Amino acid sequence: NILYTDKTGTLTKGHLQGHLFMMRSQIYEKFVSIPQPIRQLLAFCIRASTSSVINRDGHVIGGNSTDRAFLSYLDLDTLKIPVRVDRVQEILFSSSLKFSASDVIHIDPHNKESSLIPNRVTIVKGAAEKILQKCDSYFEKDGSVFKLEESDRIALNSECSLLSKNEIRMVAIAVSGEPLEKGKRELPNNLCLIGVIGVLDVIRDEAQHAINIAHRAGIQVVMVTGDRKETAVAVARQISLLPKEVDLKELEKQNM
């Protein structure tokens, strides 16, 4: 007997929270600690691409769990600032694509918070390992843009893997001046990395107990998730779905 179960919202509480923000050279736990040029750009991109509604009091209503997690990382004063954009094209997130994209036009270009915000921009959010592959540049702390070297990409992926082992989902956010093509579901070229947001989802208290009951009944439990392997393994070990003494690399060799 096999029982397939989703991770997010079933084994975890599904209340994702923005936990940290990582740039090429530094990690910030608090949104207000991020250098102002990047903080303003990040805030605009999160709010301009969200499916959530933000009321005048800064309360977040609706939207998907990742959008709400991104918004939870912003401070209240930032949430209250109105963002006026027209969405030209949009690619909705799916587990197969592992990214979402919004091609937006700034309605009020003379009242922008930052000079880094172009009048029209494509905002991309998705699995760090996928987005980083398409980034050829990145924003530094002062807002200047530099070429993203392969060594930078390797270092960022390595840091994402380490943080993923602490059950943190790493979601990259980047921008491109290339518009989305109607009918196509592809990442735009020339992505410029803003950074990576670490999203945390707390495991349900009863998850481990429920899995133990299933195991005693002779039921094999299989967790289904679109997260990167390191995050999935960390959660599986935490809830006794994958015994801590099991060597995952050796197990993968046996199954090849």
Protein backbone atom coordinates (compact mmCIF):
# COMPACT_ATOMS: atom_id res chain seq x y z
CA ASN A 1 0.00 0.00 0.00
CA ILE A 2 1.29 3.44 -0.95
CA LEU A 3 0.02 6.82 0.25
CA TYR A 4 1.03 9.90 -1.76
CA THR A 5 0.88 13.19 0.12
CA ASP A 6 1.62 16.79 -0.81
CA LYS A 7 4.20 18.59 1.32
CA THR A 8 3.03 22.21 1.41
CA GLY A 9 -0.15 22.64 3.40
CA THR A 10 -0.42 18.94 4.26
CA LEU A 11 2.78 17.91 6.00
CA THR A 12 3.54 21.60 6.62
CA LYS A 13 1.17 24.32 7.80
CA GLY A 14 1.19 26.05 4.43
CA HIS A 15 1.73 29.45 6.07
CA LEU A 16 4.87 30.47 4.23
CA GLN A 17 6.88 33.39 5.60
CA GLY A 18 9.69 35.39 4.06
CA HIS A 19 12.70 34.49 6.20
CA LEU A 20 15.74 36.13 4.58
CA PHE A 21 17.07 37.84 1.45
CA MET A 22 20.34 36.85 -0.17
CA MET A 23 22.34 38.92 -2.60
CA ARG A 24 25.55 37.84 -4.27
CA SER A 25 27.69 38.78 -1.30
CA GLN A 26 25.45 39.00 1.76
CA ILE A 27 22.37 37.65 3.54
CA TYR A 28 19.82 39.95 5.20
CA GLU A 29 17.36 38.64 7.77
CA LYS A 30 15.37 41.89 7.94
CA PHE A 31 13.92 43.76 4.96
CA VAL A 32 14.85 47.14 6.47
CA SER A 33 18.53 46.04 6.60
CA ILE A 34 18.77 45.73 2.81
CA PRO A 35 20.57 48.68 1.16
CA GLN A 36 18.00 51.27 0.07
CA PRO A 37 18.44 51.05 -3.74
CA ILE A 38 17.89 47.28 -3.71
CA ARG A 39 15.21 47.50 -1.02
CA GLN A 40 13.14 49.86 -3.20
CA LEU A 41 13.63 47.75 -6.32
CA LEU A 42 12.78 44.52 -4.50
CA ALA A 43 9.66 46.03 -2.93
CA PHE A 44 8.41 47.31 -6.27
CA CYS A 45 8.97 43.98 -8.05
CA ILE A 46 7.24 41.99 -5.31
CA ARG A 47 4.20 44.28 -5.23
CA ALA A 48 3.96 44.80 -9.01
CA SER A 49 3.94 41.05 -9.71
CA THR A 50 1.74 39.77 -6.89
CA SER A 51 -1.69 38.19 -7.26
CA SER A 52 -2.53 39.34 -3.73
CA VAL A 53 -4.49 42.48 -2.90
CA ILE A 54 -3.03 44.93 -0.38
CA ASN A 55 -5.54 47.21 1.33
CA ARG A 56 -4.88 50.72 2.66
CA ASP A 57 -3.86 49.36 6.06
CA GLY A 58 -1.20 47.16 4.49
CA HIS A 59 -3.11 43.91 5.07
CA VAL A 60 -2.53 41.20 2.47
CA ILE A 61 -5.62 39.52 1.03
CA GLY A 62 -5.72 36.48 -1.28
CA GLY A 63 -3.04 35.43 -3.72
CA ASN A 64 -0.97 32.27 -3.66
CA SER A 65 1.17 31.20 -0.71
CA THR A 66 4.47 32.28 -2.28
CA ASP A 67 3.16 35.76 -3.09
CA ARG A 68 1.95 36.14 0.49
CA ALA A 69 5.32 34.93 1.80
CA PHE A 70 7.16 37.54 -0.27
CA LEU A 71 4.83 40.28 0.95
CA SER A 72 5.26 39.12 4.56
CA TYR A 73 8.96 39.94 4.27
CA LEU A 74 8.25 43.62 3.53
CA ASP A 75 7.65 46.11 6.33
CA LEU A 76 4.21 47.65 6.91
CA ASP A 77 5.14 51.13 5.67
CA THR A 78 6.32 49.68 2.36
CA LEU A 79 3.14 47.63 1.97
CA LYS A 80 1.06 50.80 2.30
CA ILE A 81 2.78 52.52 -0.65
CA PRO A 82 0.53 52.21 -3.73
CA VAL A 83 2.02 50.63 -6.86
CA ARG A 84 0.29 51.40 -10.16
CA VAL A 85 1.14 49.11 -13.06
CA ASP A 86 -0.53 47.61 -16.11
CA ARG A 87 0.21 43.94 -16.72
CA VAL A 88 0.81 43.35 -20.42
CA GLN A 89 1.52 39.61 -20.26
CA GLU A 90 1.76 37.07 -17.45
CA ILE A 91 3.00 33.50 -16.99
CA LEU A 92 1.42 31.84 -13.98
CA PHE A 93 3.51 29.60 -11.77
CA SER A 94 3.27 25.85 -12.24
CA SER A 95 5.22 22.97 -10.73
CA SER A 96 6.47 22.02 -14.21
CA LEU A 97 7.73 25.51 -15.10
CA LYS A 98 8.98 26.34 -11.59
CA PHE A 99 8.70 30.07 -12.25
CA SER A 100 6.21 32.89 -12.82
CA ALA A 101 6.68 36.07 -14.84
CA SER A 102 4.91 39.41 -15.14
CA ASP A 103 5.49 41.91 -17.96
CA VAL A 104 4.40 45.24 -16.46
CA ILE A 105 4.27 48.92 -17.42
CA HIS A 106 4.63 51.59 -14.73
CA ILE A 107 1.50 53.78 -14.99
CA ASP A 108 3.04 56.72 -13.14
CA PRO A 109 6.71 56.81 -14.30
CA HIS A 110 7.28 60.31 -12.87
CA ASN A 111 6.43 59.16 -9.35
CA LYS A 112 8.74 56.19 -8.97
CA GLU A 113 10.44 55.25 -5.73
CA SER A 114 13.73 54.40 -7.42
CA SER A 115 15.64 55.22 -10.60
CA LEU A 116 16.35 51.48 -10.88
CA ILE A 117 12.69 50.86 -11.77
CA PRO A 118 12.21 51.07 -15.57
CA ASN A 119 8.95 52.18 -17.18
CA ARG A 120 8.46 48.66 -18.53
CA VAL A 121 9.99 45.53 -17.04
CA THR A 122 9.49 41.77 -16.91
CA ILE A 123 9.65 40.46 -13.35
CA VAL A 124 10.53 36.80 -12.84
CA LYS A 125 10.20 34.74 -9.66
CA GLY A 126 11.02 31.06 -9.35
CA ALA A 127 13.20 28.20 -8.14
CA ALA A 128 16.67 29.60 -7.56
CA GLU A 129 18.44 26.81 -9.44
CA LYS A 130 16.32 27.53 -12.54
CA ILE A 131 16.43 31.33 -12.50
CA LEU A 132 20.17 31.55 -11.81
CA GLN A 133 20.88 29.59 -14.99
CA LYS A 134 19.30 32.38 -17.05
CA CYS A 135 20.85 35.34 -15.21
CA ASP A 136 23.80 37.01 -16.95
CA SER A 137 24.06 40.00 -14.58
CA TYR A 138 23.21 41.07 -11.04
CA PHE A 139 22.51 44.17 -8.97
CA GLU A 140 25.11 45.24 -6.42
CA LYS A 141 24.17 46.95 -3.14
CA ASP A 142 24.34 50.45 -4.65
CA GLY A 143 22.15 49.48 -7.60
CA SER A 144 24.96 49.18 -10.13
CA VAL A 145 24.85 46.20 -12.49
CA PHE A 146 27.70 43.72 -12.96
CA LYS A 147 28.21 40.61 -15.05
CA LEU A 148 27.28 37.41 -13.23
CA GLU A 149 30.29 35.15 -13.63
CA GLU A 150 30.00 31.36 -13.57
CA SER A 151 31.91 31.38 -10.26
CA ASP A 152 29.22 33.70 -8.82
CA ARG A 153 26.47 31.36 -10.03
CA ILE A 154 28.18 28.34 -8.46
CA ALA A 155 28.65 30.17 -5.16
CA LEU A 156 24.99 31.28 -5.07
CA ASN A 157 23.74 27.78 -5.88
CA SER A 158 26.00 26.35 -3.19
CA GLU A 159 24.65 28.80 -0.58
CA CYS A 160 21.08 28.00 -1.66
CA SER A 161 21.78 24.29 -1.19
CA LEU A 162 23.12 24.88 2.33
CA LEU A 163 20.10 26.97 3.33
CA SER A 164 17.72 24.45 1.74
CA LYS A 165 19.04 21.82 4.17
CA ASN A 166 17.44 23.95 6.92
CA GLU A 167 14.01 23.46 5.28
CA ILE A 168 14.17 26.90 3.62
CA ARG A 169 12.78 27.21 0.10
CA MET A 170 14.99 29.45 -2.02
CA VAL A 171 13.11 31.60 -4.57
CA ALA A 172 15.05 33.90 -6.89
CA ILE A 173 13.69 37.19 -8.20
CA ALA A 174 15.12 38.84 -11.32
CA VAL A 175 14.18 41.38 -13.99
CA SER A 176 14.59 41.69 -17.74
CA GLY A 177 14.02 44.44 -20.28
CA GLU A 178 12.79 41.78 -22.71
CA PRO A 179 8.97 41.62 -22.96
CA LEU A 180 7.13 38.33 -22.65
CA GLU A 181 5.99 36.85 -25.94
CA LYS A 182 2.28 36.16 -26.17
CA GLY A 183 1.48 32.45 -26.04
CA LYS A 184 5.00 31.43 -24.99
CA ARG A 185 5.81 30.10 -21.53
CA GLU A 186 9.54 30.67 -21.53
CA LEU A 187 11.92 32.65 -19.37
CA PRO A 188 13.06 35.91 -20.99
CA ASN A 189 16.72 36.37 -21.83
CA ASN A 190 19.18 38.79 -20.22
CA LEU A 191 17.88 38.33 -16.69
CA CYS A 192 19.43 40.55 -14.03
CA LEU A 193 19.37 39.00 -10.57
CA ILE A 194 18.01 41.10 -7.70
CA GLY A 195 18.46 38.34 -5.14
CA VAL A 196 17.05 35.19 -3.57
CA ILE A 197 14.34 35.15 -0.93
CA GLY A 198 14.35 32.33 1.62
CA VAL A 199 10.83 31.16 2.42
CA LEU A 200 10.08 29.05 5.50
CA ASP A 201 7.07 26.77 6.02
CA VAL A 202 6.64 25.26 9.48
CA ILE A 203 6.05 21.50 9.71
CA ARG A 204 2.74 20.47 11.30
CA ASP A 205 3.11 19.14 14.84
CA GLU A 206 1.03 16.07 14.01
CA ALA A 207 2.82 15.16 10.74
CA GLN A 208 5.44 12.84 12.22
CA HIS A 209 2.88 11.02 14.40
CA ALA A 210 0.58 10.47 11.40
CA ILE A 211 3.44 9.06 9.31
CA ASN A 212 4.48 6.72 12.14
CA ILE A 213 0.90 5.38 12.31
CA ALA A 214 0.90 4.78 8.56
CA HIS A 215 4.24 2.97 8.72
CA ARG A 216 3.03 0.71 11.53
CA ALA A 217 0.01 -0.15 9.38
CA GLY A 218 2.31 -1.23 6.56
CA ILE A 219 1.63 1.82 4.40
CA GLN A 220 4.50 3.40 2.48
CA VAL A 221 4.22 7.20 2.54
CA VAL A 222 5.54 9.16 -0.45
CA MET A 223 5.94 12.95 -0.23
CA VAL A 224 5.25 14.89 -3.44
CA THR A 225 6.90 18.31 -3.80
CA GLY A 226 8.36 20.63 -6.40
CA ASP A 227 11.02 21.89 -3.98
CA ARG A 228 14.70 21.37 -4.63
CA LYS A 229 16.11 18.08 -3.35
CA GLU A 230 17.89 19.53 -0.31
CA THR A 231 14.69 21.12 1.05
CA ALA A 232 12.66 17.96 0.44
CA VAL A 233 15.26 15.77 2.16
CA ALA A 234 15.44 18.09 5.18
CA VAL A 235 11.66 17.97 5.64
CA ALA A 236 11.53 14.19 5.06
CA ARG A 237 14.16 13.58 7.73
CA GLN A 238 12.41 15.93 10.17
CA ILE A 239 9.14 13.96 9.99
CA SER A 240 10.80 10.49 9.94
CA LEU A 241 9.78 9.88 6.34
CA LEU A 242 13.45 9.40 5.52
CA PRO A 243 15.51 7.88 8.37
CA LYS A 244 18.40 10.12 9.39
CA GLU A 245 20.87 7.23 9.18
CA VAL A 246 20.05 6.57 5.52
CA ASP A 247 22.80 7.63 3.09
CA LEU A 248 20.86 9.37 0.32
CA LYS A 249 23.69 9.19 -2.21
CA GLU A 250 24.05 5.44 -1.65
CA LEU A 251 20.28 5.01 -1.96
CA GLU A 252 20.26 6.90 -5.27
CA LYS A 253 23.03 4.62 -6.61
CA GLN A 254 20.99 1.51 -5.70
CA ASN A 255 17.94 2.86 -7.52
CA MET A 256 19.84 3.72 -10.72
